[in-house]
Amino acid sequence: MDVISWIGIAAAAIGGIVTIIGGIRKFHQAVIMPIVNHFKRVNQLMSDVGEIKKKLAYELNANGGNSLKDHVKKYGQQVSRIEGIVLAILSSSDKGVWISDELGGCVWLSAWFDKELGWNVADMLGNGWKNVVHPNDRDKVVKEFAESVKDGRDFIMDYNYVHKNDNQKIIRVHAVSQPIKRSDGEVIGYIGFVTQIAPENV
C-alpha cells in the first residue's frame, strides 16, 4: 500500500474520530451537563436549606435576647403587664365592668358583681351572665345583646339584676357596652359598664 493510500486511510480515520468526538461533545452538552448542573443546584439548595435550618434554630430558641423567641417572650410580658394594669384600673371602678369575647361570652368581670349581687366570676363566665338578669328582663336583654354582637355595635339598656342569695332583691342598672376592635377594625370582644340606678331614679 503506497503512502497516498495510508494518508487517505488516516484522514478517514481522523475524520471519524472527529465526528465521534463531536457527537460525544454534543451528548455531553445536551445530557451530561444538564445533569451535572442539576446536581449542583441540588447541592446548593441543600446548602441553603442547611443555612435556613440554622437560622430557624437560632430564632426559635432563646439565646439571651436577640432571637425571635426572645422578642416574642418580651412582647408577651409587656402585653401581660399592660393587661394587668388595665384590669386593675377597671377593678377599682365603682361600676360593674365586664369583658367578653367576640361572641359575647363573658371572660372577665370586676368584683362589683360579687359585692353588689353575690355573683362571682365562676357564676358569670361564658353565658352564665344571663342568669344574673331578672327573669322578667332576661329574654329581651339576651336578644338585644346578641343582636348588638351580630352587628358589632354598642349595647345600651336599662334592666334589672337579681341578687344571688335573695331573689326578692332587685337591682336596677343602666348597662352600656361597646366593641373592642383591632387596628384593622376586626371586633375581638366587648367591654361593658353597669351603673346601679338609685331607687328614686327608677
C-alpha atoms as a PDB file:
ATOM      1  CA  MET A   1       0.000   0.000   0.000  1.00  0.00           C
ATOM      2  CA  ASP A   2       1.515   3.297  -1.040  1.00  0.00           C
ATOM      3  CA  VAL A   3       1.827   6.439   1.100  1.00  0.00           C
ATOM      4  CA  ILE A   4      -1.110   8.134  -0.515  1.00  0.00           C
ATOM      5  CA  SER A   5      -3.386   5.275   0.408  1.00  0.00           C
ATOM      6  CA  TRP A   6      -2.140   5.381   4.008  1.00  0.00           C
ATOM      7  CA  ILE A   7      -2.756   9.112   4.103  1.00  0.00           C
ATOM      8  CA  GLY A   8      -6.322   8.555   2.858  1.00  0.00           C
ATOM      9  CA  ILE A   9      -6.991   5.922   5.483  1.00  0.00           C
ATOM     10  CA  ALA A  10      -5.506   8.116   8.192  1.00  0.00           C
ATOM     11  CA  ALA A  11      -7.564  11.092   7.046  1.00  0.00           C
ATOM     12  CA  ALA A  12     -10.717   8.986   7.058  1.00  0.00           C
ATOM     13  CA  ALA A  13      -9.869   7.669  10.498  1.00  0.00           C
ATOM     14  CA  ILE A  14      -9.193  11.134  11.793  1.00  0.00           C
ATOM     15  CA  GLY A  15     -12.463  12.329  10.285  1.00  0.00           C
ATOM     16  CA  GLY A  16     -14.294   9.507  12.005  1.00  0.00           C
ATOM     17  CA  ILE A  17     -12.611  10.320  15.294  1.00  0.00           C
ATOM     18  CA  VAL A  18     -13.528  13.992  14.917  1.00  0.00           C
ATOM     19  CA  THR A  19     -17.122  13.010  14.174  1.00  0.00           C
ATOM     20  CA  ILE A  20     -17.185  10.759  17.242  1.00  0.00           C
ATOM     21  CA  ILE A  21     -15.638  13.489  19.389  1.00  0.00           C
ATOM     22  CA  GLY A  22     -18.211  15.959  18.059  1.00  0.00           C
ATOM     23  CA  GLY A  23     -21.010  13.535  18.913  1.00  0.00           C
ATOM     24  CA  ILE A  24     -19.575  12.980  22.376  1.00  0.00           C
ATOM     25  CA  ARG A  25     -19.302  16.747  22.878  1.00  0.00           C
ATOM     26  CA  LYS A  26     -22.914  17.255  21.811  1.00  0.00           C
ATOM     27  CA  PHE A  27     -24.016  14.414  24.083  1.00  0.00           C
ATOM     28  CA  HIS A  28     -22.008  15.939  26.909  1.00  0.00           C
ATOM     29  CA  GLN A  29     -23.586  19.354  26.375  1.00  0.00           C
ATOM     30  CA  ALA A  30     -27.103  18.049  25.825  1.00  0.00           C
ATOM     31  CA  VAL A  31     -27.226  15.331  28.501  1.00  0.00           C
ATOM     32  CA  ILE A  32     -24.276  15.249  30.870  1.00  0.00           C
ATOM     33  CA  MET A  33     -24.002  18.987  31.599  1.00  0.00           C
ATOM     34  CA  PRO A  34     -27.703  19.438  32.460  1.00  0.00           C
ATOM     35  CA  ILE A  35     -27.413  16.513  34.891  1.00  0.00           C
ATOM     36  CA  VAL A  36     -24.246  17.969  36.417  1.00  0.00           C
ATOM     37  CA  ASN A  37     -25.860  21.416  36.696  1.00  0.00           C
ATOM     38  CA  HIS A  38     -28.965  19.871  38.250  1.00  0.00           C
ATOM     39  CA  PHE A  39     -26.892  18.198  40.943  1.00  0.00           C
ATOM     40  CA  LYS A  40     -25.017  21.447  41.506  1.00  0.00           C
ATOM     41  CA  ARG A  41     -28.342  23.209  42.065  1.00  0.00           C
ATOM     42  CA  VAL A  42     -29.483  20.405  44.377  1.00  0.00           C
ATOM     43  CA  ASN A  43     -26.275  20.698  46.378  1.00  0.00           C
ATOM     44  CA  GLN A  44     -26.711  24.481  46.579  1.00  0.00           C
ATOM     45  CA  LEU A  45     -30.323  24.035  47.628  1.00  0.00           C
ATOM     46  CA  MET A  46     -29.305  21.566  50.332  1.00  0.00           C
ATOM     47  CA  SER A  47     -26.702  24.033  51.491  1.00  0.00           C
ATOM     48  CA  ASP A  48     -29.337  26.798  51.565  1.00  0.00           C
ATOM     49  CA  VAL A  49     -31.705  24.525  53.479  1.00  0.00           C
ATOM     50  CA  GLY A  50     -28.966  23.866  55.974  1.00  0.00           C
ATOM     51  CA  GLU A  51     -28.454  27.602  56.460  1.00  0.00           C
ATOM     52  CA  ILE A  52     -32.209  28.140  56.827  1.00  0.00           C
ATOM     53  CA  LYS A  53     -32.343  25.402  59.455  1.00  0.00           C
ATOM     54  CA  LYS A  54     -29.513  27.062  61.353  1.00  0.00           C
ATOM     55  CA  LYS A  55     -31.292  30.422  61.219  1.00  0.00           C
ATOM     56  CA  LEU A  56     -34.589  28.871  62.318  1.00  0.00           C
ATOM     57  CA  ALA A  57     -32.882  27.083  65.181  1.00  0.00           C
ATOM     58  CA  TYR A  58     -31.331  30.398  66.201  1.00  0.00           C
ATOM     59  CA  GLU A  59     -34.616  32.310  66.008  1.00  0.00           C
ATOM     60  CA  LEU A  60     -36.778  29.659  67.679  1.00  0.00           C
ATOM     61  CA  ASN A  61     -34.558  29.195  70.714  1.00  0.00           C
ATOM     62  CA  ALA A  62     -33.863  31.672  73.480  1.00  0.00           C
ATOM     63  CA  ASN A  63     -30.309  32.949  73.248  1.00  0.00           C
ATOM     64  CA  GLY A  64     -30.169  35.857  75.633  1.00  0.00           C
ATOM     65  CA  GLY A  65     -32.416  38.399  73.993  1.00  0.00           C
ATOM     66  CA  ASN A  66     -31.726  38.519  70.261  1.00  0.00           C
ATOM     67  CA  SER A  67     -33.778  35.669  68.835  1.00  0.00           C
ATOM     68  CA  LEU A  68     -37.355  35.838  67.596  1.00  0.00           C
ATOM     69  CA  LYS A  69     -38.408  33.683  70.567  1.00  0.00           C
ATOM     70  CA  ASP A  70     -36.818  36.185  72.959  1.00  0.00           C
ATOM     71  CA  HIS A  71     -38.632  39.098  71.303  1.00  0.00           C
ATOM     72  CA  VAL A  72     -41.964  37.242  71.370  1.00  0.00           C
ATOM     73  CA  LYS A  73     -41.442  36.483  75.055  1.00  0.00           C
ATOM     74  CA  LYS A  74     -40.658  40.123  75.804  1.00  0.00           C
ATOM     75  CA  TYR A  75     -43.715  41.242  73.841  1.00  0.00           C
ATOM     76  CA  GLY A  76     -45.878  38.747  75.712  1.00  0.00           C
ATOM     77  CA  GLN A  77     -44.563  40.025  79.030  1.00  0.00           C
ATOM     78  CA  GLN A  78     -45.296  43.608  78.033  1.00  0.00           C
ATOM     79  CA  VAL A  79     -48.828  42.688  76.934  1.00  0.00           C
ATOM     80  CA  SER A  80     -49.436  40.825  80.203  1.00  0.00           C
ATOM     81  CA  ARG A  81     -48.132  43.795  82.186  1.00  0.00           C
ATOM     82  CA  ILE A  82     -50.385  46.230  80.343  1.00  0.00           C
ATOM     83  CA  GLU A  83     -53.341  43.856  80.670  1.00  0.00           C
ATOM     84  CA  GLY A  84     -52.721  43.609  84.411  1.00  0.00           C
ATOM     85  CA  ILE A  85     -52.634  47.384  84.752  1.00  0.00           C
ATOM     86  CA  VAL A  86     -55.831  47.844  82.730  1.00  0.00           C
ATOM     87  CA  LEU A  87     -57.699  45.170  84.692  1.00  0.00           C
ATOM     88  CA  ALA A  88     -56.505  46.663  87.980  1.00  0.00           C
ATOM     89  CA  ILE A  89     -57.866  50.057  86.928  1.00  0.00           C
ATOM     90  CA  LEU A  90     -61.181  48.536  85.824  1.00  0.00           C
ATOM     91  CA  SER A  91     -61.438  46.540  89.055  1.00  0.00           C
ATOM     92  CA  SER A  92     -61.153  49.701  91.116  1.00  0.00           C
ATOM     93  CA  SER A  93     -64.164  51.263  89.386  1.00  0.00           C
ATOM     94  CA  ASP A  94     -67.327  51.793  91.421  1.00  0.00           C
ATOM     95  CA  LYS A  95     -69.243  50.439  88.413  1.00  0.00           C
ATOM     96  CA  GLY A  96     -69.715  46.869  87.317  1.00  0.00           C
ATOM     97  CA  VAL A  97     -67.283  46.133  84.500  1.00  0.00           C
ATOM     98  CA  TRP A  98     -67.175  43.062  82.304  1.00  0.00           C
ATOM     99  CA  ILE A  99     -65.277  41.886  79.236  1.00  0.00           C
ATOM    100  CA  SER A 100     -66.489  39.302  76.733  1.00  0.00           C
ATOM    101  CA  ASP A 101     -65.017  37.529  73.737  1.00  0.00           C
ATOM    102  CA  GLU A 102     -66.077  38.313  70.161  1.00  0.00           C
ATOM    103  CA  LEU A 103     -69.106  36.013  70.526  1.00  0.00           C
ATOM    104  CA  GLY A 104     -70.369  37.700  73.682  1.00  0.00           C
ATOM    105  CA  GLY A 105     -69.233  35.078  76.196  1.00  0.00           C
ATOM    106  CA  CYS A 106     -68.037  36.620  79.463  1.00  0.00           C
ATOM    107  CA  VAL A 107     -64.283  36.199  80.086  1.00  0.00           C
ATOM    108  CA  TRP A 108     -63.720  38.691  82.944  1.00  0.00           C
ATOM    109  CA  LEU A 109     -65.714  40.850  85.347  1.00  0.00           C
ATOM    110  CA  SER A 110     -64.985  43.177  88.226  1.00  0.00           C
ATOM    111  CA  ALA A 111     -65.640  42.499  91.909  1.00  0.00           C
ATOM    112  CA  TRP A 112     -68.736  44.730  91.784  1.00  0.00           C
ATOM    113  CA  PHE A 113     -70.930  41.809  90.729  1.00  0.00           C
ATOM    114  CA  ASP A 114     -69.880  39.753  93.753  1.00  0.00           C
ATOM    115  CA  LYS A 115     -70.084  42.699  96.135  1.00  0.00           C
ATOM    116  CA  GLU A 116     -73.453  44.061  94.997  1.00  0.00           C
ATOM    117  CA  LEU A 117     -75.159  40.956  93.608  1.00  0.00           C
ATOM    118  CA  GLY A 118     -73.430  37.982  95.225  1.00  0.00           C
ATOM    119  CA  TRP A 119     -72.424  36.528  91.840  1.00  0.00           C
ATOM    120  CA  ASN A 120     -68.759  35.615  91.443  1.00  0.00           C
ATOM    121  CA  VAL A 121     -66.600  35.101  88.365  1.00  0.00           C
ATOM    122  CA  ALA A 122     -67.335  31.376  88.076  1.00  0.00           C
ATOM    123  CA  ASP A 123     -71.079  32.105  88.093  1.00  0.00           C
ATOM    124  CA  MET A 124     -70.919  34.541  85.194  1.00  0.00           C
ATOM    125  CA  LEU A 125     -68.246  33.219  82.827  1.00  0.00           C
ATOM    126  CA  GLY A 126     -69.336  32.223  79.348  1.00  0.00           C
ATOM    127  CA  ASN A 127     -73.131  32.532  79.178  1.00  0.00           C
ATOM    128  CA  GLY A 128     -73.531  32.433  82.949  1.00  0.00           C
ATOM    129  CA  TRP A 129     -74.096  36.208  82.991  1.00  0.00           C
ATOM    130  CA  LYS A 130     -77.609  35.613  81.626  1.00  0.00           C
ATOM    131  CA  ASN A 131     -78.664  34.077  84.954  1.00  0.00           C
ATOM    132  CA  VAL A 132     -77.928  37.364  86.733  1.00  0.00           C
ATOM    133  CA  VAL A 133     -80.535  39.213  84.685  1.00  0.00           C
ATOM    134  CA  HIS A 134     -84.001  39.228  86.251  1.00  0.00           C
ATOM    135  CA  PRO A 135     -86.282  36.639  84.603  1.00  0.00           C
ATOM    136  CA  ASN A 136     -88.723  39.355  83.533  1.00  0.00           C
ATOM    137  CA  ASP A 137     -85.965  41.126  81.573  1.00  0.00           C
ATOM    138  CA  ARG A 138     -83.783  38.190  80.559  1.00  0.00           C
ATOM    139  CA  ASP A 139     -85.207  37.407  77.116  1.00  0.00           C
ATOM    140  CA  LYS A 140     -85.163  40.999  75.846  1.00  0.00           C
ATOM    141  CA  VAL A 141     -81.673  41.659  77.263  1.00  0.00           C
ATOM    142  CA  VAL A 142     -80.229  38.476  75.780  1.00  0.00           C
ATOM    143  CA  LYS A 143     -81.878  39.181  72.415  1.00  0.00           C
ATOM    144  CA  GLU A 144     -80.712  42.801  72.230  1.00  0.00           C
ATOM    145  CA  PHE A 145     -77.171  41.942  73.302  1.00  0.00           C
ATOM    146  CA  ALA A 146     -76.997  39.080  70.754  1.00  0.00           C
ATOM    147  CA  GLU A 147     -78.092  41.465  68.004  1.00  0.00           C
ATOM    148  CA  SER A 148     -75.501  44.049  69.057  1.00  0.00           C
ATOM    149  CA  VAL A 149     -72.803  41.355  68.903  1.00  0.00           C
ATOM    150  CA  LYS A 150     -74.030  40.208  65.493  1.00  0.00           C
ATOM    151  CA  ASP A 151     -73.931  43.797  64.193  1.00  0.00           C
ATOM    152  CA  GLY A 152     -70.708  44.706  66.009  1.00  0.00           C
ATOM    153  CA  ARG A 153     -72.336  47.742  67.616  1.00  0.00           C
ATOM    154  CA  ASP A 154     -72.888  49.309  71.042  1.00  0.00           C
ATOM    155  CA  PHE A 155     -75.382  47.889  73.508  1.00  0.00           C
ATOM    156  CA  ILE A 156     -77.365  50.271  75.767  1.00  0.00           C
ATOM    157  CA  MET A 157     -80.227  49.206  78.019  1.00  0.00           C
ATOM    158  CA  ASP A 158     -81.797  49.636  81.454  1.00  0.00           C
ATOM    159  CA  TYR A 159     -82.868  46.415  83.138  1.00  0.00           C
ATOM    160  CA  ASN A 160     -82.932  44.549  86.453  1.00  0.00           C
ATOM    161  CA  TYR A 161     -80.449  42.213  88.076  1.00  0.00           C
ATOM    162  CA  VAL A 162     -81.425  39.755  90.758  1.00  0.00           C
ATOM    163  CA  HIS A 163     -79.291  39.078  93.866  1.00  0.00           C
ATOM    164  CA  LYS A 164     -77.925  35.538  94.012  1.00  0.00           C
ATOM    165  CA  ASN A 165     -78.813  35.000  97.657  1.00  0.00           C
ATOM    166  CA  ASP A 166     -82.087  36.929  97.712  1.00  0.00           C
ATOM    167  CA  ASN A 167     -84.281  36.707  94.635  1.00  0.00           C
ATOM    168  CA  GLN A 168     -86.537  39.359  96.126  1.00  0.00           C
ATOM    169  CA  LYS A 169     -83.694  41.888  95.986  1.00  0.00           C
ATOM    170  CA  ILE A 170     -83.881  43.652  92.631  1.00  0.00           C
ATOM    171  CA  ILE A 171     -81.075  45.932  91.421  1.00  0.00           C
ATOM    172  CA  ARG A 172     -81.947  48.300  88.582  1.00  0.00           C
ATOM    173  CA  VAL A 173     -78.990  49.098  86.319  1.00  0.00           C
ATOM    174  CA  HIS A 174     -78.029  51.101  83.269  1.00  0.00           C
ATOM    175  CA  ALA A 175     -75.756  48.978  81.074  1.00  0.00           C
ATOM    176  CA  VAL A 176     -73.552  50.115  78.215  1.00  0.00           C
ATOM    177  CA  SER A 177     -71.116  48.025  76.171  1.00  0.00           C
ATOM    178  CA  GLN A 178     -69.094  48.629  73.051  1.00  0.00           C
ATOM    179  CA  PRO A 179     -66.914  46.562  70.718  1.00  0.00           C
ATOM    180  CA  ILE A 180     -63.188  46.173  71.307  1.00  0.00           C
ATOM    181  CA  LYS A 181     -61.546  46.453  67.912  1.00  0.00           C
ATOM    182  CA  ARG A 182     -58.117  45.810  66.493  1.00  0.00           C
ATOM    183  CA  SER A 183     -56.388  48.442  64.395  1.00  0.00           C
ATOM    184  CA  ASP A 184     -57.823  46.818  61.244  1.00  0.00           C
ATOM    185  CA  GLY A 185     -61.373  47.165  62.604  1.00  0.00           C
ATOM    186  CA  GLU A 186     -61.929  43.489  63.457  1.00  0.00           C
ATOM    187  CA  VAL A 187     -64.015  43.040  66.610  1.00  0.00           C
ATOM    188  CA  ILE A 188     -62.179  40.874  69.160  1.00  0.00           C
ATOM    189  CA  GLY A 189     -64.520  41.328  72.122  1.00  0.00           C
ATOM    190  CA  TYR A 190     -66.754  43.693  74.065  1.00  0.00           C
ATOM    191  CA  ILE A 191     -66.364  45.744  77.221  1.00  0.00           C
ATOM    192  CA  GLY A 192     -69.374  46.683  79.285  1.00  0.00           C
ATOM    193  CA  PHE A 193     -70.098  49.047  82.192  1.00  0.00           C
ATOM    194  CA  VAL A 194     -73.007  48.678  84.581  1.00  0.00           C
ATOM    195  CA  THR A 195     -74.202  51.568  86.740  1.00  0.00           C
ATOM    196  CA  GLN A 196     -76.707  50.989  89.503  1.00  0.00           C
ATOM    197  CA  ILE A 197     -79.736  53.288  89.250  1.00  0.00           C
ATOM    198  CA  ALA A 198     -80.823  54.721  92.567  1.00  0.00           C
ATOM    199  CA  PRO A 199     -84.381  53.695  93.553  1.00  0.00           C
ATOM    200  CA  GLU A 200     -85.572  57.275  93.349  1.00  0.00           C
ATOM    201  CA  ASN A 201     -84.350  57.432  89.743  1.00  0.00           C
ATOM    202  CA  VAL A 202     -86.076  54.225  88.649  1.00  0.00           C
END
